[in-house]
Amino acid sequence: MAVKVLVVDDSGFFRRRVSEILSADSNIQVVGTATNGKEAIDQALALKPDVITMDYEMPMMDGITAVRHIMQRCPTPVLMFSSLTHEGARVTLDALDAGAVDFLPKNFEDISRNPEKVKQLLCEKILSISRSNRRVSTYSAPAPVAAPAPTPAPSSVGSYGSSAPARPAPAPIPARSHAATPSSPAPKRKAYKLVAIGTSTGGPVALQRVLTQLPANFPAPIVLIQHMPAAFTKAFAERLDKLCRISVKEAEDGDILRPGLALLAPGGKQMMIDGRGAVKILPGDERLNYKPCVDITFGSAAKSYGDKVLAVVLTGMGADGREGARLLKQGGSAIWAQDEASCVIYGMPMAIVKAELADAVYSLDDIGRHLVEACL
């Protein structure tokens, strides 16, 4: 049965072009269009599509407000279109917080210059997120994330050794309810030299949920690999830094790993770690599908830190992270995977579990707490 799609955009050209691209795929059926957020809600209720594509800047009601209403009234996977600007990144991250599953850059030049590439990417996204957990999960009103009791922060918790004010308490984010699933036992404590977290679709909200549970004195350095365009990672790091007790920044070449700091791999590039704890940022290799790539960072961590890495693979499409996790596992490091019930897309964690690389499988809401238990 074809995946039913509702296309929402105030641009007539963009609605027609997206509809044409999707309709050319026999596995996809465009069942309706809407020109603003209010129409989108009405059409979502009437047509019950499997996926909605959504612009964020529209008259009458913007896309983010529409996503919130749709998630409350008829939860449906939403693919946002966004501009490749800092402001576009900020708005897209707001949309993901509101419940959107994924996003694509809204680039008219690419549509006209590379129609086949755009068609393939868009159709693959639609088909993949149609199988996401968004429809069976319900977004509730924002609820605070459980966090460890505040602990005094050392003076070096600010940016690179400078004194900084106390970090804020974690900000509330939408809470997902899902059926309880069997979970692995609580982890044993170990002196890890690095926590490495890889993720893709659904990752921005998942990382926010995990990292806001960590205290300012979290003792292990953290590296984050999130599949994201170059224009988005700086805005995402800034967002996390404001919400978390630990510090978060977009990684730069030469950065040094240290406790209480999470370094986010820059979009469009690759991040590696050497044995001295220094970060190397390399140009994105066009032969690699992912820039940044979880396998690349995990592999370098395996070479540099042996059995002293705790790697976590969160929600995402595909299998990026599996081969890097295999190298880590061979060196004696620990691998955790997010469970299926709490994933938006159970692709990357499933690859870890099926390859029998997971030492533990935890629900998203438990991962932050278990990181604290394992490392503090």
Protein backbone atom coordinates (compact mmCIF):
# COMPACT_ATOMS: atom_id res chain seq x y z
CA MET A 1 0.00 0.00 0.00
CA ALA A 2 1.33 3.44 -0.97
CA VAL A 3 2.43 5.90 1.71
CA LYS A 4 -0.11 8.76 1.88
CA VAL A 5 1.48 12.23 2.03
CA LEU A 6 0.08 15.69 2.80
CA VAL A 7 2.21 18.53 1.33
CA VAL A 8 2.10 21.84 3.25
CA ASP A 9 3.70 25.01 1.89
CA ASP A 10 2.53 28.55 1.10
CA SER A 11 4.56 28.53 -2.15
CA GLY A 12 2.51 27.21 -5.05
CA PHE A 13 5.67 26.34 -6.97
CA PHE A 14 7.12 24.34 -4.08
CA ARG A 15 3.84 22.50 -3.41
CA ARG A 16 3.59 21.48 -7.06
CA ARG A 17 7.25 20.48 -7.33
CA VAL A 18 7.25 18.38 -4.15
CA SER A 19 3.94 16.78 -5.20
CA GLU A 20 5.36 15.94 -8.66
CA ILE A 21 8.52 14.40 -7.18
CA LEU A 22 6.60 12.29 -4.69
CA SER A 23 3.87 11.23 -7.12
CA ALA A 24 6.51 9.87 -9.51
CA ASP A 25 7.27 7.17 -6.92
CA SER A 26 4.77 4.31 -7.11
CA ASN A 27 5.15 3.72 -3.37
CA ILE A 28 3.95 7.24 -2.51
CA GLN A 29 0.57 8.93 -2.98
CA VAL A 30 0.02 12.66 -2.44
CA VAL A 31 -3.45 12.80 -0.90
CA GLY A 32 -3.68 16.55 -0.38
CA THR A 33 -1.99 19.93 -0.06
CA ALA A 34 -2.32 22.88 2.31
CA THR A 35 -1.12 26.48 2.16
CA ASN A 36 -0.80 27.27 5.87
CA GLY A 37 -0.67 25.67 9.30
CA LYS A 38 -4.40 25.90 9.98
CA GLU A 39 -5.23 24.13 6.72
CA ALA A 40 -2.57 21.55 7.56
CA ILE A 41 -4.31 20.64 10.82
CA ASP A 42 -7.71 20.40 9.14
CA GLN A 43 -6.32 18.26 6.30
CA ALA A 44 -4.38 16.03 8.69
CA LEU A 45 -7.56 15.31 10.64
CA ALA A 46 -9.64 14.72 7.50
CA LEU A 47 -7.17 12.79 5.32
CA LYS A 48 -5.16 10.93 7.99
CA PRO A 49 -1.91 10.94 5.95
CA ASP A 50 1.01 8.69 6.80
CA VAL A 51 3.51 11.57 6.48
CA ILE A 52 3.26 15.38 6.31
CA THR A 53 5.84 17.63 4.66
CA MET A 54 5.80 21.04 6.34
CA ASP A 55 7.22 24.49 5.66
CA TYR A 56 7.85 26.56 8.78
CA GLU A 57 7.15 30.13 7.55
CA MET A 58 3.52 30.44 6.43
CA PRO A 59 0.60 32.90 6.84
CA MET A 60 -2.20 32.42 9.42
CA MET A 61 -0.29 29.74 11.34
CA ASP A 62 3.40 28.84 11.15
CA GLY A 63 4.69 25.30 10.72
CA ILE A 64 5.95 24.86 14.30
CA THR A 65 2.58 25.75 15.82
CA ALA A 66 0.89 23.42 13.33
CA VAL A 67 3.23 20.56 14.28
CA ARG A 68 2.38 21.02 17.97
CA HIS A 69 -1.36 20.86 17.25
CA ILE A 70 -0.98 17.85 14.96
CA MET A 71 1.07 15.95 17.55
CA GLN A 72 -1.64 16.58 20.15
CA ARG A 73 -4.63 15.75 17.96
CA CYS A 74 -3.45 13.16 15.41
CA PRO A 75 0.23 12.23 15.85
CA THR A 76 1.75 11.93 12.36
CA PRO A 77 5.38 11.82 11.17
CA VAL A 78 6.32 15.32 9.93
CA LEU A 79 9.22 16.16 7.61
CA MET A 80 10.17 19.84 7.88
CA PHE A 81 11.70 21.90 5.07
CA SER A 82 14.20 24.47 6.31
CA SER A 83 16.60 27.09 5.02
CA LEU A 84 20.35 26.54 5.36
CA THR A 85 20.89 29.53 7.64
CA HIS A 86 21.58 29.93 11.35
CA GLU A 87 18.02 31.17 11.85
CA GLY A 88 16.68 28.32 9.71
CA ALA A 89 18.61 25.89 11.90
CA ARG A 90 17.18 27.42 15.09
CA VAL A 91 13.63 27.22 13.78
CA THR A 92 14.14 23.64 12.57
CA LEU A 93 15.38 22.59 16.00
CA ASP A 94 12.25 24.17 17.50
CA ALA A 95 10.16 22.13 15.06
CA LEU A 96 11.93 18.92 16.07
CA ASP A 97 11.23 19.76 19.72
CA ALA A 98 7.59 20.27 18.77
CA GLY A 99 7.46 16.73 17.38
CA ALA A 100 8.71 16.76 13.77
CA VAL A 101 10.65 13.62 12.89
CA ASP A 102 13.24 14.94 10.44
CA PHE A 103 14.09 17.81 8.10
CA LEU A 104 15.47 18.57 4.65
CA PRO A 105 17.04 21.80 3.38
CA LYS A 106 14.63 23.85 1.27
CA ASN A 107 16.90 24.66 -1.64
CA PHE A 108 15.24 25.63 -4.92
CA GLU A 109 18.58 25.58 -6.77
CA ASP A 110 19.17 21.93 -5.88
CA ILE A 111 15.68 21.00 -7.09
CA SER A 112 16.37 22.48 -10.52
CA ARG A 113 20.05 21.47 -10.74
CA ASN A 114 19.94 17.92 -9.33
CA PRO A 115 16.35 16.72 -9.77
CA GLU A 116 17.19 13.00 -9.63
CA LYS A 117 19.30 13.35 -6.48
CA VAL A 118 16.61 15.46 -4.80
CA LYS A 119 13.91 13.00 -5.80
CA GLN A 120 15.84 10.04 -4.41
CA LEU A 121 16.62 11.78 -1.11
CA LEU A 122 13.08 13.09 -0.59
CA CYS A 123 11.39 9.81 -1.42
CA GLU A 124 13.78 7.84 0.78
CA LYS A 125 13.07 10.20 3.69
CA ILE A 126 9.31 9.93 3.22
CA LEU A 127 9.35 6.14 3.07
CA SER A 128 11.67 5.85 6.06
CA ILE A 129 9.84 8.21 8.40
CA SER A 130 6.49 6.67 7.45
CA ARG A 131 7.73 3.69 9.45
CA SER A 132 8.81 5.78 12.43
CA ASN A 133 7.37 5.50 15.92
CA ARG A 134 5.82 8.95 15.80
CA ARG A 135 2.30 7.76 14.98
CA VAL A 136 2.13 5.28 17.85
CA SER A 137 3.66 7.69 20.33
CA THR A 138 1.80 10.58 21.92
CA TYR A 139 3.34 13.94 22.64
CA SER A 140 2.14 15.42 25.89
CA ALA A 141 2.53 18.88 27.30
CA PRO A 142 6.14 19.73 28.14
CA ALA A 143 7.30 18.01 31.31
CA PRO A 144 10.59 18.46 33.12
CA VAL A 145 13.29 15.91 32.50
CA ALA A 146 14.39 14.00 35.56
CA ALA A 147 17.90 15.00 36.52
CA PRO A 148 20.40 14.16 39.22
CA ALA A 149 20.49 16.45 42.23
CA PRO A 150 22.55 19.57 41.52
CA THR A 151 26.22 19.28 42.38
CA PRO A 152 28.68 22.11 42.83
CA ALA A 153 30.40 22.87 39.56
CA PRO A 154 34.16 23.32 39.48
CA SER A 155 35.39 26.68 38.29
CA SER A 156 36.60 25.17 35.02
CA VAL A 157 33.16 24.08 33.87
CA GLY A 158 32.77 27.18 31.68
CA SER A 159 34.37 27.65 28.28
CA TYR A 160 37.92 26.35 28.29
CA GLY A 161 38.98 26.97 31.85
CA SER A 162 37.25 30.32 32.37
CA SER A 163 35.11 30.82 35.41
CA ALA A 164 31.42 30.49 34.57
CA PRO A 165 28.11 30.96 36.36
CA ALA A 166 26.22 27.90 37.50
CA ARG A 167 24.61 26.02 34.65
CA PRO A 168 20.82 26.24 34.45
CA ALA A 169 18.53 23.41 35.42
CA PRO A 170 17.50 21.31 32.43
CA ALA A 171 14.74 22.93 30.39
CA PRO A 172 11.52 21.00 29.88
CA ILE A 173 11.11 19.20 26.55
CA PRO A 174 8.16 17.25 25.19
CA ALA A 175 7.76 13.91 26.94
CA ARG A 176 7.06 10.82 24.89
CA SER A 177 5.06 7.99 26.34
CA HIS A 178 5.74 4.47 25.11
CA ALA A 179 5.12 0.95 26.22
CA ALA A 180 7.57 -0.36 28.77
CA THR A 181 10.13 -2.79 27.40
CA PRO A 182 12.61 -5.07 29.15
CA SER A 183 15.77 -3.15 30.02
CA SER A 184 19.32 -4.25 30.73
CA PRO A 185 20.57 -4.17 34.34
CA ALA A 186 22.07 -0.96 35.71
CA PRO A 187 25.66 -0.51 34.53
CA LYS A 188 28.76 -1.08 36.61
CA ARG A 189 30.96 1.90 37.40
CA LYS A 190 34.20 2.29 35.44
CA ALA A 191 36.80 5.02 34.89
CA TYR A 192 35.93 5.77 31.27
CA LYS A 193 38.19 8.20 29.45
CA LEU A 194 35.54 9.04 26.85
CA VAL A 195 31.79 8.84 26.25
CA ALA A 196 30.95 8.81 22.53
CA ILE A 197 27.35 9.18 21.35
CA GLY A 198 26.23 8.65 17.74
CA THR A 199 22.76 9.36 16.33
CA SER A 200 20.76 10.50 13.30
CA THR A 201 16.99 10.86 12.75
CA GLY A 202 15.37 11.81 16.05
CA GLY A 203 18.80 12.57 17.49
CA PRO A 204 18.47 16.28 18.33
CA VAL A 205 15.64 15.66 20.81
CA ALA A 206 17.23 12.41 22.03
CA LEU A 207 20.56 14.09 22.74
CA GLN A 208 18.80 16.92 24.52
CA ARG A 209 16.98 14.44 26.72
CA VAL A 210 20.16 12.52 27.58
CA LEU A 211 22.55 15.43 28.10
CA THR A 212 20.21 17.50 30.29
CA GLN A 213 20.37 14.70 32.85
CA LEU A 214 24.14 15.02 33.31
CA PRO A 215 25.56 17.06 36.22
CA ALA A 216 28.12 19.81 35.67
CA ASN A 217 30.84 17.67 37.28
CA PHE A 218 30.32 14.72 34.91
CA PRO A 219 33.83 13.21 34.95
CA ALA A 220 34.24 11.94 31.38
CA PRO A 221 34.76 13.98 28.19
CA ILE A 222 31.95 13.52 25.66
CA VAL A 223 31.92 13.55 21.86
CA LEU A 224 28.65 13.77 19.90
CA ILE A 225 28.14 12.67 16.30
CA GLN A 226 24.81 13.78 14.88
CA HIS A 227 24.03 13.53 11.15
CA MET A 228 23.38 17.20 10.35
CA PRO A 229 24.23 19.80 7.66
CA ALA A 230 27.12 22.18 8.20
CA ALA A 231 24.83 25.16 8.81
CA PHE A 232 23.03 23.42 11.67
CA THR A 233 25.62 22.03 14.08
CA LYS A 234 26.77 25.37 15.53
CA ALA A 235 23.18 26.38 16.32
CA PHE A 236 22.49 22.94 17.79
CA ALA A 237 25.59 23.08 20.01
CA GLU A 238 24.59 26.54 21.23
CA ARG A 239 21.11 25.28 22.03
CA LEU A 240 22.42 22.32 24.02
CA ASP A 241 24.89 24.53 25.86
CA LYS A 242 22.05 26.75 27.11
CA LEU A 243 19.93 23.79 28.23
CA CYS A 244 22.58 21.57 29.87
CA ARG A 245 24.62 21.76 33.06
CA ILE A 246 27.65 20.49 31.16
CA SER A 247 29.21 22.70 28.48
CA VAL A 248 28.54 21.93 24.81
CA LYS A 249 30.28 23.39 21.76
CA GLU A 250 30.79 22.64 18.09
CA ALA A 251 34.15 20.90 17.83
CA GLU A 252 37.08 22.69 16.22
CA ASP A 253 40.39 21.28 15.08
CA GLY A 254 42.77 21.18 18.05
CA ASP A 255 40.10 21.16 20.77
CA ILE A 256 41.13 19.17 23.84
CA LEU A 257 38.79 16.68 25.48
CA ARG A 258 38.01 17.43 29.11
CA PRO A 259 35.46 16.48 31.74
CA GLY A 260 32.21 18.44 31.73
CA LEU A 261 32.51 19.30 28.03
CA ALA A 262 30.67 17.75 25.09
CA LEU A 263 32.08 18.38 21.62
CA LEU A 264 29.65 18.13 18.69
CA ALA A 265 31.11 17.01 15.36
CA PRO A 266 30.70 19.82 12.79
CA GLY A 267 28.35 19.14 9.90
CA GLY A 268 29.95 18.36 6.56
CA LYS A 269 33.23 17.24 8.18
CA GLN A 270 34.72 14.30 10.05
CA MET A 271 35.86 14.25 13.68
CA MET A 272 38.66 12.04 14.99
CA ILE A 273 40.35 11.78 18.39
CA ASP A 274 44.02 11.06 19.05
CA GLY A 275 45.67 9.44 22.06
CA ARG A 276 46.57 12.82 23.58
CA GLY A 277 42.89 13.76 23.79
CA ALA A 278 43.10 16.22 20.92
CA VAL A 279 40.34 16.52 18.34
CA LYS A 280 41.10 16.46 14.63
CA ILE A 281 38.54 17.91 12.22
CA LEU A 282 38.98 16.69 8.66
CA PRO A 283 37.22 17.63 5.41
CA GLY A 284 34.19 15.50 4.60
CA ASP A 285 35.11 12.73 2.17
CA GLU A 286 32.61 12.65 -0.71
CA ARG A 287 32.91 8.85 -0.82
CA LEU A 288 31.27 8.65 2.61
CA ASN A 289 27.49 8.88 2.92
CA TYR A 290 27.64 10.61 6.30
CA LYS A 291 29.47 13.80 7.16
CA PRO A 292 30.00 13.55 10.11
CA CYS A 293 30.19 9.75 10.28
CA VAL A 294 29.78 7.84 13.55
CA ASP A 295 32.00 4.99 12.34
CA ILE A 296 34.91 7.39 11.76
CA THR A 297 34.79 8.89 15.25
CA PHE A 298 34.13 5.57 16.99
CA GLY A 299 37.00 3.98 15.07
CA SER A 300 39.48 6.69 16.08
CA ALA A 301 38.32 6.40 19.71
CA ALA A 302 38.92 2.64 19.61
CA LYS A 303 42.48 3.20 18.39
CA SER A 304 43.24 5.93 20.93
CA TYR A 305 41.51 4.72 24.09
CA GLY A 306 41.27 0.92 23.90
CA ASP A 307 38.84 -0.36 26.53
CA LYS A 308 38.20 3.03 28.18
CA VAL A 309 35.32 4.18 25.90
CA LEU A 310 31.60 4.04 26.60
CA ALA A 311 29.81 4.34 23.25
CA VAL A 312 26.07 4.95 22.91
CA VAL A 313 24.08 4.57 19.69
CA LEU A 314 20.76 6.41 19.65
CA THR A 315 17.83 6.65 17.22
CA GLY A 316 18.58 6.98 13.50
CA MET A 317 18.21 5.54 10.02
CA GLY A 318 20.76 3.16 8.56
CA ALA A 319 23.64 1.39 10.27
CA ASP A 320 26.27 4.11 10.80
CA GLY A 321 28.15 3.32 14.01
CA ARG A 322 28.02 -0.46 13.70
CA GLU A 323 31.53 -0.95 12.30
CA GLY A 324 33.01 1.63 14.64
CA ALA A 325 31.25 -0.10 17.54
CA ARG A 326 32.73 -3.39 16.37
CA LEU A 327 36.24 -1.92 16.65
CA LEU A 328 35.45 -0.53 20.10
CA LYS A 329 34.07 -3.87 21.22
CA GLN A 330 37.19 -5.69 19.99
CA GLY A 331 39.24 -3.33 22.16
CA GLY A 332 37.16 -4.06 25.24
CA SER A 333 35.04 -0.89 25.35
CA ALA A 334 31.35 -0.86 26.27
CA ILE A 335 28.50 -0.34 23.78
CA TRP A 336 24.96 0.74 24.67
CA ALA A 337 21.99 0.94 22.28
CA GLN A 338 18.67 2.77 22.63
CA ASP A 339 15.68 0.42 22.77
CA GLU A 340 13.19 0.14 19.93
CA ALA A 341 10.18 1.49 21.82
CA SER A 342 11.79 4.87 22.57
CA CYS A 343 13.44 5.36 19.14
CA VAL A 344 11.95 7.57 16.46
CA ILE A 345 13.71 5.33 13.90
CA TYR A 346 15.06 1.98 15.11
CA GLY A 347 17.78 1.67 12.48
CA MET A 348 21.19 2.46 13.95
CA PRO A 349 20.52 0.87 17.38
CA MET A 350 18.98 -2.17 15.68
CA ALA A 351 22.17 -2.63 13.65
CA ILE A 352 24.15 -2.69 16.90
CA VAL A 353 21.79 -5.17 18.55
CA LYS A 354 21.57 -7.49 15.52
CA ALA A 355 25.37 -7.57 15.27
CA GLU A 356 25.42 -8.65 18.95
CA LEU A 357 27.59 -5.68 19.89
CA ALA A 358 25.34 -4.17 22.58
CA ASP A 359 26.41 -4.64 26.19
CA ALA A 360 23.17 -2.97 27.29
CA VAL A 361 19.90 -1.77 25.75
CA TYR A 362 18.18 1.12 27.53
CA SER A 363 15.14 3.31 27.06
CA LEU A 364 15.99 6.88 26.08
CA ASP A 365 14.77 8.26 29.41
CA ASP A 366 17.13 5.93 31.30
CA ILE A 367 20.33 6.54 29.34
CA GLY A 368 21.32 9.81 31.01
CA ARG A 369 20.78 8.38 34.48
CA HIS A 370 22.78 5.27 33.62
CA LEU A 371 25.63 7.37 32.23
CA VAL A 372 25.86 9.09 35.59
CA GLU A 373 25.81 5.74 37.39
CA ALA A 374 28.51 4.32 35.12
CA CYS A 375 30.89 7.25 35.23
CA LEU A 376 30.49 9.07 38.56
